[in-house]
N, C-alpha and C. Protein backbone atom coordinates (compact mmCIF):
# COMPACT_ATOMS: atom_id res chain seq x y z
N MET A 1 -208.57 52.36 91.16
CA MET A 1 -207.72 51.34 90.93
C MET A 1 -206.31 51.88 91.25
N ARG A 2 -205.32 50.85 91.69
CA ARG A 2 -204.23 51.31 92.41
C ARG A 2 -202.90 50.64 91.13
N PHE A 3 -202.10 51.95 91.07
CA PHE A 3 -201.10 51.35 90.20
C PHE A 3 -199.68 51.17 90.55
N VAL A 4 -199.11 49.91 89.94
CA VAL A 4 -197.64 50.09 90.43
C VAL A 4 -196.64 50.41 89.41
N TYR A 5 -195.61 51.02 89.92
CA TYR A 5 -195.18 51.79 88.74
C TYR A 5 -194.42 50.50 87.93
N ASN A 6 -194.14 49.56 88.21
CA ASN A 6 -193.34 48.80 87.33
C ASN A 6 -194.21 48.10 86.47
N ASP A 7 -195.55 48.01 86.70
CA ASP A 7 -196.09 47.20 86.04
C ASP A 7 -196.67 48.58 84.75
N VAL A 8 -196.41 49.65 84.73
CA VAL A 8 -196.92 50.66 84.07
C VAL A 8 -195.87 51.26 83.21
N ALA A 9 -194.22 50.55 83.16
CA ALA A 9 -193.06 51.74 83.03
C ALA A 9 -192.40 50.94 81.72
N GLY A 10 -192.39 51.81 81.22
CA GLY A 10 -191.58 51.08 79.72
C GLY A 10 -192.64 50.30 79.04
N SER A 11 -193.87 50.89 78.81
CA SER A 11 -195.13 49.79 78.04
C SER A 11 -195.45 50.59 76.78
N SER A 12 -194.78 51.21 76.36
CA SER A 12 -194.82 52.40 74.88
C SER A 12 -193.90 51.68 74.19
N LEU A 13 -194.72 50.82 73.09
CA LEU A 13 -193.92 50.26 71.75
C LEU A 13 -193.60 51.42 71.25
N ASP A 14 -194.76 52.42 70.91
CA ASP A 14 -194.45 52.96 69.81
C ASP A 14 -193.01 53.92 70.08
N ARG A 15 -192.28 54.57 71.83
CA ARG A 15 -191.37 54.53 72.36
C ARG A 15 -190.10 54.12 71.71
N LEU A 16 -190.88 52.56 72.30
CA LEU A 16 -189.38 51.98 72.01
C LEU A 16 -188.96 51.50 70.32
N SER A 17 -189.93 51.65 70.11
CA SER A 17 -189.34 51.66 68.22
C SER A 17 -188.92 52.77 67.94
N ALA A 18 -189.15 54.08 68.31
CA ALA A 18 -188.37 55.78 68.36
C ALA A 18 -187.32 55.47 68.85
N LEU A 19 -187.12 55.15 70.14
CA LEU A 19 -185.39 55.17 70.61
C LEU A 19 -184.55 53.99 69.54
N SER A 20 -185.04 53.36 69.55
CA SER A 20 -184.10 51.99 69.06
C SER A 20 -184.05 52.94 67.14
N ASP A 21 -185.05 53.52 66.39
CA ASP A 21 -184.38 54.20 65.23
C ASP A 21 -183.14 55.21 65.50
N GLY A 22 -183.25 55.88 66.30
CA GLY A 22 -182.79 57.27 66.74
C GLY A 22 -180.83 56.11 67.22
N VAL A 23 -180.77 54.88 68.23
CA VAL A 23 -179.81 54.43 68.25
C VAL A 23 -179.23 53.94 67.03
N PHE A 24 -179.97 53.75 66.40
CA PHE A 24 -179.75 52.57 64.96
C PHE A 24 -179.11 53.62 64.09
N ALA A 25 -180.13 55.17 63.48
CA ALA A 25 -179.18 55.92 63.11
C ALA A 25 -178.31 56.39 63.14
N PHE A 26 -177.86 56.46 64.45
CA PHE A 26 -176.68 57.30 65.03
C PHE A 26 -175.61 56.14 65.36
N ALA A 27 -175.73 54.63 65.02
CA ALA A 27 -174.52 54.08 64.84
C ALA A 27 -174.04 53.82 63.95
N MET A 28 -174.99 53.93 62.79
CA MET A 28 -174.52 53.68 61.35
C MET A 28 -174.35 54.72 60.79
N THR A 29 -174.80 56.15 61.87
CA THR A 29 -173.74 57.05 61.25
C THR A 29 -172.19 57.09 61.36
N LEU A 30 -172.22 56.79 62.80
CA LEU A 30 -170.51 56.69 63.07
C LEU A 30 -169.57 55.86 62.35
N LEU A 31 -170.12 55.06 61.65
CA LEU A 31 -169.51 54.10 61.33
C LEU A 31 -168.54 55.00 59.92
N VAL A 32 -168.76 56.24 59.38
CA VAL A 32 -168.43 56.61 58.15
C VAL A 32 -167.35 57.41 59.43
N LEU A 33 -167.44 57.75 60.05
CA LEU A 33 -166.12 58.57 61.03
C LEU A 33 -165.11 57.58 60.98
N ASP A 34 -164.87 56.26 60.97
CA ASP A 34 -163.73 55.52 60.77
C ASP A 34 -162.79 55.62 59.25
N LEU A 35 -163.84 56.20 58.06
CA LEU A 35 -163.25 57.02 57.15
C LEU A 35 -162.55 58.39 56.69
N HIS A 36 -161.67 58.06 56.58
CA HIS A 36 -160.51 59.35 56.55
C HIS A 36 -160.26 60.02 55.22
N VAL A 37 -160.26 61.24 54.47
CA VAL A 37 -159.57 62.12 53.42
C VAL A 37 -158.93 62.06 53.65
N PRO A 38 -157.65 61.27 52.09
CA PRO A 38 -156.03 61.50 52.26
C PRO A 38 -155.82 62.99 52.95
N ARG A 39 -154.51 62.97 53.57
CA ARG A 39 -153.87 64.09 53.45
C ARG A 39 -153.48 65.04 52.18
N VAL A 40 -153.73 66.24 52.40
CA VAL A 40 -153.49 66.63 50.81
C VAL A 40 -151.71 67.10 51.18
N ASP A 41 -150.82 67.30 52.00
CA ASP A 41 -149.65 67.07 51.84
C ASP A 41 -148.60 65.79 51.47
N GLY A 42 -149.86 65.08 51.87
CA GLY A 42 -149.04 63.72 50.88
C GLY A 42 -149.47 63.24 49.67
N ILE A 43 -150.04 64.32 48.40
CA ILE A 43 -150.88 64.08 47.66
C ILE A 43 -150.19 64.95 47.04
N HIS A 44 -149.57 64.59 46.20
CA HIS A 44 -148.54 65.31 44.70
C HIS A 44 -148.93 65.08 42.99
N SER A 45 -150.05 63.99 42.78
CA SER A 45 -150.05 63.30 41.57
C SER A 45 -151.42 62.69 41.44
N GLU A 46 -152.14 62.22 40.68
CA GLU A 46 -153.14 61.66 40.73
C GLU A 46 -152.70 60.34 40.71
N HIS A 47 -151.51 59.54 40.64
CA HIS A 47 -151.38 58.26 40.69
C HIS A 47 -151.59 58.13 42.36
N ASP A 48 -150.80 59.81 43.56
CA ASP A 48 -150.72 59.22 44.92
C ASP A 48 -152.38 59.34 45.11
N LEU A 49 -152.79 60.00 44.35
CA LEU A 49 -154.46 60.13 45.52
C LEU A 49 -154.81 58.71 44.82
N TRP A 50 -154.67 58.21 44.07
CA TRP A 50 -154.98 56.81 43.83
C TRP A 50 -154.60 55.52 44.74
N LEU A 51 -153.71 55.69 45.04
CA LEU A 51 -152.95 55.01 46.07
C LEU A 51 -153.50 55.23 47.22
N ALA A 52 -153.30 56.32 47.65
CA ALA A 52 -154.23 56.70 49.11
C ALA A 52 -155.87 56.03 49.23
N LEU A 53 -155.99 56.52 48.07
CA LEU A 53 -157.78 55.48 48.16
C LEU A 53 -157.54 53.85 48.35
N LEU A 54 -156.46 53.52 47.45
CA LEU A 54 -156.91 52.49 47.40
C LEU A 54 -156.41 51.48 49.30
N ALA A 55 -155.73 52.47 49.52
CA ALA A 55 -155.35 52.30 51.01
C ALA A 55 -156.23 52.15 51.77
N ILE A 56 -157.85 53.44 51.80
CA ILE A 56 -158.52 52.93 52.53
C ILE A 56 -159.49 52.25 52.13
N TRP A 57 -159.30 51.51 51.35
CA TRP A 57 -160.22 50.42 50.60
C TRP A 57 -160.56 48.72 51.92
N PRO A 58 -159.65 48.95 53.12
CA PRO A 58 -160.18 47.88 53.84
C PRO A 58 -161.07 48.06 54.44
N ARG A 59 -160.81 49.66 55.35
CA ARG A 59 -161.91 50.26 56.25
C ARG A 59 -162.96 50.37 55.17
N PHE A 60 -163.14 51.19 54.06
CA PHE A 60 -164.50 51.39 53.86
C PHE A 60 -164.96 50.00 53.70
N THR A 61 -164.10 48.33 53.63
CA THR A 61 -164.87 47.17 52.93
C THR A 61 -165.56 46.88 54.46
N THR A 62 -165.30 47.19 55.79
CA THR A 62 -165.66 47.11 56.99
C THR A 62 -167.01 48.27 57.03
N TYR A 63 -166.64 48.89 56.68
CA TYR A 63 -168.20 49.74 56.78
C TYR A 63 -168.96 49.21 56.01
N LEU A 64 -168.88 49.25 55.30
CA LEU A 64 -170.02 48.29 54.20
C LEU A 64 -170.58 47.05 55.38
N MET A 65 -169.39 46.17 55.56
CA MET A 65 -170.01 45.09 56.53
C MET A 65 -170.68 45.62 57.68
N SER A 66 -170.44 46.33 57.98
CA SER A 66 -171.53 46.55 59.11
C SER A 66 -172.12 47.60 59.23
N PHE A 67 -172.73 48.51 57.94
CA PHE A 67 -173.87 49.12 57.50
C PHE A 67 -175.13 48.53 57.38
N MET A 68 -174.33 47.16 56.43
CA MET A 68 -175.27 46.09 56.23
C MET A 68 -175.71 45.36 57.29
N THR A 69 -174.70 45.13 58.19
CA THR A 69 -174.84 44.26 59.66
C THR A 69 -176.13 45.22 60.53
N LEU A 70 -175.91 46.12 60.77
CA LEU A 70 -177.14 46.99 61.35
C LEU A 70 -178.22 47.10 60.77
N GLY A 71 -178.11 47.14 59.21
CA GLY A 71 -179.67 47.52 58.78
C GLY A 71 -180.44 46.29 58.82
N ILE A 72 -179.94 44.94 58.43
CA ILE A 72 -180.27 43.81 58.99
C ILE A 72 -180.89 43.34 60.25
N PHE A 73 -180.23 43.93 61.21
CA PHE A 73 -180.62 43.67 62.79
C PHE A 73 -181.68 44.73 63.08
N TRP A 74 -181.47 46.04 62.17
CA TRP A 74 -182.88 47.03 62.21
C TRP A 74 -184.24 46.22 62.08
N VAL A 75 -184.03 45.78 60.45
CA VAL A 75 -185.12 45.13 59.95
C VAL A 75 -185.68 44.17 60.64
N GLY A 76 -184.73 43.07 61.33
CA GLY A 76 -185.14 42.16 62.35
C GLY A 76 -185.55 42.39 63.46
N GLN A 77 -185.35 43.67 64.19
CA GLN A 77 -186.32 44.00 65.21
C GLN A 77 -187.10 44.56 64.85
N GLN A 78 -187.51 45.48 63.93
CA GLN A 78 -188.63 46.54 63.67
C GLN A 78 -189.73 45.15 63.08
N THR A 79 -189.61 44.02 62.11
CA THR A 79 -190.15 42.91 61.95
C THR A 79 -190.77 42.31 63.01
N GLN A 80 -189.85 42.19 64.04
CA GLN A 80 -190.57 41.40 65.12
C GLN A 80 -191.66 42.30 66.06
N LEU A 81 -191.10 44.19 66.45
CA LEU A 81 -192.13 44.58 66.86
C LEU A 81 -193.69 44.68 66.40
N SER A 82 -193.47 44.38 65.30
CA SER A 82 -194.74 44.82 64.43
C SER A 82 -196.05 43.87 64.69
N PHE A 83 -195.29 42.64 65.15
CA PHE A 83 -195.95 41.58 65.60
C PHE A 83 -196.25 41.49 67.07
N TYR A 84 -196.01 42.78 67.88
CA TYR A 84 -196.12 42.51 68.89
C TYR A 84 -197.91 43.46 69.69
N ASP A 85 -198.45 43.08 70.23
CA ASP A 85 -199.46 44.29 70.53
C ASP A 85 -199.07 45.03 71.36
N ARG A 86 -198.27 44.81 72.59
CA ARG A 86 -197.91 45.29 73.80
C ARG A 86 -196.55 44.87 73.99
N VAL A 87 -195.82 46.27 74.79
CA VAL A 87 -194.41 45.51 75.69
C VAL A 87 -194.34 46.09 77.12
N ASN A 88 -193.70 45.68 77.93
CA ASN A 88 -193.73 45.55 79.69
C ASN A 88 -192.28 46.25 79.77
N ARG A 89 -191.90 46.42 80.78
CA ARG A 89 -191.05 46.71 81.22
C ARG A 89 -190.08 45.88 81.62
N ASN A 90 -189.95 44.82 81.49
CA ASN A 90 -188.94 43.93 81.09
C ASN A 90 -188.09 43.85 79.82
N TYR A 91 -189.29 43.48 79.01
CA TYR A 91 -188.90 43.26 77.78
C TYR A 91 -188.41 44.84 76.84
N THR A 92 -188.73 45.78 77.26
CA THR A 92 -188.32 47.48 77.24
C THR A 92 -186.80 46.89 77.44
N TRP A 93 -186.44 46.89 78.40
CA TRP A 93 -185.05 46.64 79.36
C TRP A 93 -184.38 45.86 78.44
N ILE A 94 -184.64 44.79 78.18
CA ILE A 94 -184.15 43.40 77.15
C ILE A 94 -183.86 43.99 75.59
N GLN A 95 -185.12 45.04 75.42
CA GLN A 95 -184.24 45.82 73.86
C GLN A 95 -183.64 46.81 73.69
N ILE A 96 -183.21 47.58 75.81
CA ILE A 96 -182.58 48.58 75.47
C ILE A 96 -180.55 47.99 75.60
N GLY A 97 -180.71 46.93 76.84
CA GLY A 97 -179.40 45.96 76.38
C GLY A 97 -178.91 45.48 74.47
N PHE A 98 -180.46 45.51 74.31
CA PHE A 98 -179.88 45.03 72.60
C PHE A 98 -179.03 46.07 72.42
N LEU A 99 -180.14 47.55 72.12
CA LEU A 99 -179.05 49.02 71.39
C LEU A 99 -177.78 48.73 72.32
N ALA A 100 -177.84 48.86 73.80
CA ALA A 100 -176.53 48.83 74.29
C ALA A 100 -175.30 48.26 73.13
N VAL A 101 -175.80 47.09 72.36
CA VAL A 101 -174.84 46.19 71.91
C VAL A 101 -174.62 46.70 70.31
N VAL A 102 -175.80 47.20 69.80
CA VAL A 102 -176.20 48.22 68.71
C VAL A 102 -175.08 49.05 68.30
N ALA A 103 -174.67 49.82 70.00
CA ALA A 103 -173.82 51.01 69.98
C ALA A 103 -172.55 50.39 69.95
N ILE A 104 -171.94 49.57 70.28
CA ILE A 104 -170.85 49.28 70.28
C ILE A 104 -170.48 48.57 68.66
N VAL A 105 -171.12 48.10 68.15
CA VAL A 105 -171.03 48.06 66.47
C VAL A 105 -169.60 48.87 66.02
N PRO A 106 -170.12 50.20 66.32
CA PRO A 106 -168.89 51.32 65.65
C PRO A 106 -167.41 50.82 65.99
N PHE A 107 -167.46 50.52 67.45
CA PHE A 107 -165.40 50.52 68.20
C PHE A 107 -165.54 49.02 67.92
N SER A 108 -166.09 47.75 67.05
CA SER A 108 -165.72 46.67 66.91
C SER A 108 -165.48 46.63 65.40
N THR A 109 -165.97 47.53 64.62
CA THR A 109 -165.84 47.85 63.32
C THR A 109 -164.51 48.48 62.94
N ALA A 110 -164.30 49.64 63.93
CA ALA A 110 -163.24 50.28 64.12
C ALA A 110 -162.05 49.28 64.45
N LEU A 111 -162.32 48.64 65.77
CA LEU A 111 -160.85 47.82 65.81
C LEU A 111 -160.55 46.75 64.64
N LEU A 112 -161.59 45.98 64.06
CA LEU A 112 -161.59 45.07 62.84
C LEU A 112 -160.69 45.97 61.26
N SER A 113 -161.04 47.01 61.38
CA SER A 113 -160.62 47.89 60.22
C SER A 113 -158.68 48.32 60.36
N GLU A 114 -158.59 48.60 61.83
CA GLU A 114 -157.24 49.29 62.40
C GLU A 114 -156.36 47.85 62.18
N PHE A 115 -156.88 46.75 62.81
CA PHE A 115 -156.10 45.57 63.07
C PHE A 115 -156.68 44.12 61.94
N ILE A 116 -156.98 44.36 60.61
CA ILE A 116 -157.82 43.46 59.52
C ILE A 116 -156.95 42.37 59.58
N THR A 117 -156.10 41.91 59.69
CA THR A 117 -155.17 40.72 59.91
C THR A 117 -154.92 39.89 61.08
N TYR A 118 -155.99 40.74 62.35
CA TYR A 118 -155.17 40.19 63.28
C TYR A 118 -156.55 39.50 63.91
N ARG A 119 -156.76 38.18 64.13
CA ARG A 119 -157.56 36.97 64.30
C ARG A 119 -158.29 37.62 65.44
N ILE A 120 -157.55 38.11 66.68
CA ILE A 120 -158.49 39.27 67.95
C ILE A 120 -159.46 39.81 67.43
N ALA A 121 -158.91 40.38 66.48
CA ALA A 121 -160.19 41.91 65.66
C ALA A 121 -161.25 41.03 65.47
N LEU A 122 -160.62 40.25 64.65
CA LEU A 122 -162.11 39.75 63.92
C LEU A 122 -163.04 39.17 64.43
N LEU A 123 -162.35 37.96 65.59
CA LEU A 123 -163.30 37.42 66.96
C LEU A 123 -164.36 38.29 67.60
N VAL A 124 -163.80 39.36 68.08
CA VAL A 124 -164.09 40.49 68.83
C VAL A 124 -165.39 41.28 68.21
N TYR A 125 -165.58 41.48 66.09
CA TYR A 125 -166.30 41.37 65.68
C TYR A 125 -167.44 40.70 65.66
N TRP A 126 -166.63 39.05 66.01
CA TRP A 126 -167.76 38.33 65.11
C TRP A 126 -168.85 38.32 66.97
N PHE A 127 -168.03 38.56 67.74
CA PHE A 127 -168.70 38.70 69.24
C PHE A 127 -169.77 39.51 69.40
N ASN A 128 -169.33 40.77 68.79
CA ASN A 128 -170.71 41.69 68.65
C ASN A 128 -171.65 41.29 68.27
N LEU A 129 -171.96 40.36 66.85
CA LEU A 129 -172.81 40.33 66.46
C LEU A 129 -173.57 38.81 66.53
N LEU A 130 -172.91 37.96 67.52
CA LEU A 130 -173.40 36.98 68.39
C LEU A 130 -173.54 37.51 69.32
N LEU A 131 -173.69 38.69 70.40
CA LEU A 131 -174.47 39.74 70.91
C LEU A 131 -175.60 40.27 70.34
N LEU A 132 -175.53 40.61 69.47
CA LEU A 132 -176.58 41.24 68.65
C LEU A 132 -177.76 39.96 68.32
N GLY A 133 -177.42 39.03 68.14
CA GLY A 133 -178.07 37.53 67.49
C GLY A 133 -178.81 36.76 68.70
N SER A 134 -178.12 36.90 70.15
CA SER A 134 -178.33 36.42 71.18
C SER A 134 -179.81 37.28 71.66
N ALA A 135 -179.23 38.55 71.51
CA ALA A 135 -180.61 39.39 72.82
C ALA A 135 -181.78 39.97 71.33
N LEU A 136 -181.47 39.63 70.15
CA LEU A 136 -182.93 39.48 69.48
C LEU A 136 -183.99 38.39 69.99
N PHE A 137 -182.84 37.30 69.72
CA PHE A 137 -183.75 35.89 69.68
C PHE A 137 -184.35 35.80 71.22
N PHE A 138 -183.22 36.51 72.88
CA PHE A 138 -184.01 36.52 73.88
C PHE A 138 -185.21 37.25 74.18
N GLY A 139 -184.93 38.35 73.27
CA GLY A 139 -186.19 39.32 73.24
C GLY A 139 -187.79 38.82 72.70
N MET A 140 -187.71 37.87 71.32
CA MET A 140 -188.74 37.46 71.06
C MET A 140 -188.78 36.57 72.23
N ALA A 141 -187.93 35.58 72.63
CA ALA A 141 -188.57 34.16 73.31
C ALA A 141 -189.51 35.04 74.35
N TYR A 142 -188.59 35.90 75.12
CA TYR A 142 -189.68 36.52 76.26
C TYR A 142 -190.50 37.13 76.15
N ALA A 143 -190.59 38.11 74.82
CA ALA A 143 -192.54 38.57 74.33
C ALA A 143 -193.07 37.57 74.42
N ILE A 144 -192.77 36.00 73.60
CA ILE A 144 -193.95 35.05 73.20
C ILE A 144 -194.30 34.67 74.60
N ARG A 145 -193.27 34.30 75.32
CA ARG A 145 -194.00 34.13 76.85
C ARG A 145 -194.40 34.44 77.68
N ALA A 146 -194.15 35.53 77.56
CA ALA A 146 -194.94 36.94 78.22
C ALA A 146 -196.21 37.15 77.48
N GLY A 147 -196.64 36.80 76.27
CA GLY A 147 -197.76 37.07 75.85
C GLY A 147 -198.10 38.33 75.51
N LEU A 148 -196.84 38.82 74.60
CA LEU A 148 -196.92 40.44 74.28
C LEU A 148 -197.18 40.59 72.87
N THR A 149 -197.41 39.25 71.95
CA THR A 149 -197.53 39.54 70.60
C THR A 149 -198.84 39.32 70.24
N LYS A 150 -199.11 39.74 69.01
CA LYS A 150 -200.76 39.66 68.48
C LYS A 150 -201.24 38.28 68.16
N GLU A 151 -202.28 38.05 68.63
CA GLU A 151 -203.41 36.74 68.09
C GLU A 151 -202.47 36.21 66.78
N GLY A 152 -202.30 36.88 65.72
CA GLY A 152 -202.31 36.42 64.43
C GLY A 152 -200.95 35.94 64.80
N MET A 153 -200.04 35.62 65.38
CA MET A 153 -198.81 35.36 65.26
C MET A 153 -198.71 34.07 65.51
N SER A 154 -198.61 32.83 64.50
CA SER A 154 -199.09 31.50 64.69
C SER A 154 -197.83 30.79 65.03
N ASP A 155 -197.63 29.99 65.04
CA ASP A 155 -196.78 29.35 65.88
C ASP A 155 -195.38 29.10 64.49
N GLN A 156 -196.16 28.82 63.34
CA GLN A 156 -195.23 28.66 62.01
C GLN A 156 -194.18 30.11 62.37
N LEU A 157 -194.82 31.20 62.86
CA LEU A 157 -194.28 32.15 62.62
C LEU A 157 -193.37 32.35 63.37
N ARG A 158 -193.83 31.96 64.51
CA ARG A 158 -192.28 32.14 65.80
C ARG A 158 -191.50 31.20 65.03
N THR A 159 -191.62 29.67 64.91
CA THR A 159 -190.60 29.34 64.59
C THR A 159 -189.80 29.63 63.23
N LEU A 160 -190.31 30.24 62.44
CA LEU A 160 -189.69 31.20 61.27
C LEU A 160 -188.92 32.22 62.03
N PHE A 161 -188.89 33.01 62.77
CA PHE A 161 -188.18 34.26 63.05
C PHE A 161 -187.29 33.39 64.03
N ALA A 162 -187.04 32.25 65.02
CA ALA A 162 -186.46 31.81 65.64
C ALA A 162 -185.26 31.23 64.83
N ARG A 163 -185.80 30.23 63.88
CA ARG A 163 -184.99 29.84 62.76
C ARG A 163 -184.04 30.74 62.41
N ARG A 164 -184.85 31.75 61.99
CA ARG A 164 -183.99 32.78 60.88
C ARG A 164 -183.02 33.54 61.98
N VAL A 165 -183.30 33.59 63.32
CA VAL A 165 -182.00 34.04 64.47
C VAL A 165 -180.92 33.15 64.02
N LEU A 166 -181.36 32.03 64.46
CA LEU A 166 -180.05 30.50 64.68
C LEU A 166 -179.24 30.20 63.77
N VAL A 167 -180.13 30.38 62.38
CA VAL A 167 -179.62 30.06 60.98
C VAL A 167 -177.89 31.13 60.89
N SER A 168 -178.46 32.25 61.16
CA SER A 168 -178.16 32.96 60.37
C SER A 168 -176.64 33.60 61.60
N GLN A 169 -176.53 33.22 62.96
CA GLN A 169 -175.76 33.11 63.68
C GLN A 169 -174.81 31.61 63.70
N GLY A 170 -175.47 30.90 63.10
CA GLY A 170 -175.10 29.78 62.36
C GLY A 170 -173.89 29.83 61.81
N LEU A 171 -174.05 31.06 60.83
CA LEU A 171 -173.55 30.74 59.27
C LEU A 171 -172.58 31.82 59.68
N TYR A 172 -172.64 32.98 60.78
CA TYR A 172 -171.51 34.34 61.04
C TYR A 172 -170.46 33.06 61.71
N ALA A 173 -170.66 32.15 62.66
CA ALA A 173 -169.66 31.80 63.66
C ALA A 173 -169.09 30.59 62.64
N PHE A 174 -169.49 30.40 61.38
CA PHE A 174 -168.74 29.61 60.83
C PHE A 174 -167.98 31.22 59.98
N GLY A 175 -168.20 31.84 59.81
CA GLY A 175 -167.46 32.76 59.01
C GLY A 175 -166.27 33.16 60.07
N ALA A 176 -166.78 33.22 61.23
CA ALA A 176 -165.33 33.39 62.50
C ALA A 176 -164.57 32.18 62.13
N LEU A 177 -164.96 31.15 62.59
CA LEU A 177 -163.99 30.17 61.84
C LEU A 177 -162.66 30.13 61.00
N LEU A 178 -163.67 30.93 59.77
CA LEU A 178 -162.59 30.70 58.56
C LEU A 178 -161.24 31.56 58.96
N CYS A 179 -161.14 32.27 60.04
CA CYS A 179 -159.98 33.16 60.84
C CYS A 179 -158.85 32.23 60.55
N ILE A 180 -159.17 31.21 60.93
CA ILE A 180 -158.42 29.82 61.33
C ILE A 180 -157.18 30.55 60.01
N PHE A 181 -157.67 30.25 58.87
CA PHE A 181 -156.83 30.43 57.56
C PHE A 181 -156.67 31.72 57.06
N ASN A 182 -157.39 32.57 57.16
CA ASN A 182 -157.28 33.74 56.84
C ASN A 182 -158.42 34.75 57.17
N THR A 183 -158.02 36.09 58.22
CA THR A 183 -159.14 37.18 58.13
C THR A 183 -159.78 37.50 57.30
N TYR A 184 -159.40 37.74 56.11
CA TYR A 184 -159.78 37.74 55.10
C TYR A 184 -161.21 36.84 54.38
N TRP A 185 -160.48 35.66 54.21
CA TRP A 185 -161.56 34.65 54.03
C TRP A 185 -162.85 35.24 55.05
N SER A 186 -162.64 35.02 56.12
CA SER A 186 -163.99 35.22 57.32
C SER A 186 -164.82 36.62 56.91
N ILE A 187 -163.91 38.05 56.40
CA ILE A 187 -164.74 38.90 56.26
C ILE A 187 -165.82 38.72 54.85
N GLY A 188 -165.27 38.29 54.19
CA GLY A 188 -165.58 37.62 52.82
C GLY A 188 -166.77 36.98 52.76
N PHE A 189 -166.87 35.98 53.62
CA PHE A 189 -168.08 35.05 54.03
C PHE A 189 -169.08 35.81 54.72
N ILE A 190 -168.86 36.44 55.80
CA ILE A 190 -169.60 37.48 56.66
C ILE A 190 -170.74 38.34 55.04
N ILE A 191 -169.45 38.90 54.30
CA ILE A 191 -170.37 39.80 53.44
C ILE A 191 -171.08 39.17 52.58
N LEU A 192 -171.29 38.23 52.17
CA LEU A 192 -171.80 36.73 51.52
C LEU A 192 -173.26 36.76 52.40
N VAL A 193 -173.26 36.22 53.44
CA VAL A 193 -173.90 35.62 54.24
C VAL A 193 -175.04 37.21 54.11
N GLN A 194 -174.40 38.71 54.36
CA GLN A 194 -175.12 39.72 54.53
C GLN A 194 -175.96 39.97 53.03
N LEU A 195 -175.58 39.53 52.41
CA LEU A 195 -175.84 39.93 51.05
C LEU A 195 -177.10 38.86 50.44
N ASN A 196 -176.61 38.26 50.93
CA ASN A 196 -178.40 37.01 50.74
C ASN A 196 -179.04 37.57 51.57
N TYR A 197 -179.24 38.10 52.84
CA TYR A 197 -180.35 38.32 53.72
C TYR A 197 -180.59 39.97 53.29
N LEU A 198 -179.78 40.67 52.30
CA LEU A 198 -180.01 42.06 52.05
C LEU A 198 -181.14 41.81 50.75
N LEU A 199 -180.77 40.85 49.81
CA LEU A 199 -180.69 41.05 48.14
C LEU A 199 -181.98 40.17 48.36
N ALA A 200 -182.33 38.76 49.63
CA ALA A 200 -183.04 37.96 49.31
C ALA A 200 -183.28 37.36 48.06
N PRO A 201 -182.42 36.77 47.47
CA PRO A 201 -182.57 36.37 46.03
C PRO A 201 -183.74 34.99 46.45
N LYS A 202 -184.68 34.71 45.32
CA LYS A 202 -185.61 33.73 45.20
C LYS A 202 -185.01 32.29 45.11
N ILE A 203 -183.96 32.02 45.57
CA ILE A 203 -183.67 30.89 45.46
C ILE A 203 -183.87 30.02 46.56
N PRO A 204 -184.73 28.80 46.46
CA PRO A 204 -185.25 27.81 47.27
C PRO A 204 -184.35 27.85 48.26
N VAL A 205 -183.02 27.38 48.21
CA VAL A 205 -181.84 27.14 49.08
C VAL A 205 -182.05 28.13 50.23
N LEU A 206 -181.96 29.13 49.91
CA LEU A 206 -181.45 30.43 50.12
C LEU A 206 -182.64 31.35 50.87
N ARG A 207 -183.44 31.51 50.12
CA ARG A 207 -184.97 31.71 50.38
C ARG A 207 -185.35 31.53 52.03
N ASP A 208 -184.97 30.43 52.45
CA ASP A 208 -184.84 29.79 53.56
C ASP A 208 -184.93 29.67 54.49
N VAL A 209 -183.42 30.61 54.23
CA VAL A 209 -182.15 30.43 55.16
C VAL A 209 -182.77 31.62 56.25
């Protein structure tokens, strides 16, 4: 039997999942590097230390927001992978592109934390979220079209995955629009959206989002 390289390349689902775990873990770890301990020479009292810690709060907020972001997208990707029987070269490269966008999150987070009141910084962060959602959606659509999914993945489940990505991206876009008024409104709304996906409250309206 004659093998063609492109027919067998990138066909390991386990290796793709392992690579994804590594990139996500590294990106999530890099986020904390934007948090810096206050300089000792600027601290002369408990009050000074308290003020210095308060000054770090905006960076800590963006750190938590991005850590939740990566956690949500990791869960989304791993959930999708669990419904695949196999992968092929094209799908693997789609996921590598997705991981390239994951690796940008520490940069967009650092930009936002440094210029937290600037709309451009907020829109760059939102665009990072848009790329993450688009790559995840495109990968899922390709996997379904290429027949990579398990037989048990019904049309209803496919619709559920698609709706979740599209609704979340719509909510993130609305959050980004709030920067017209104030970037803190945008950040607050995005965090609320993330908390909904993190906590998964058993409220009918929110449960189906």
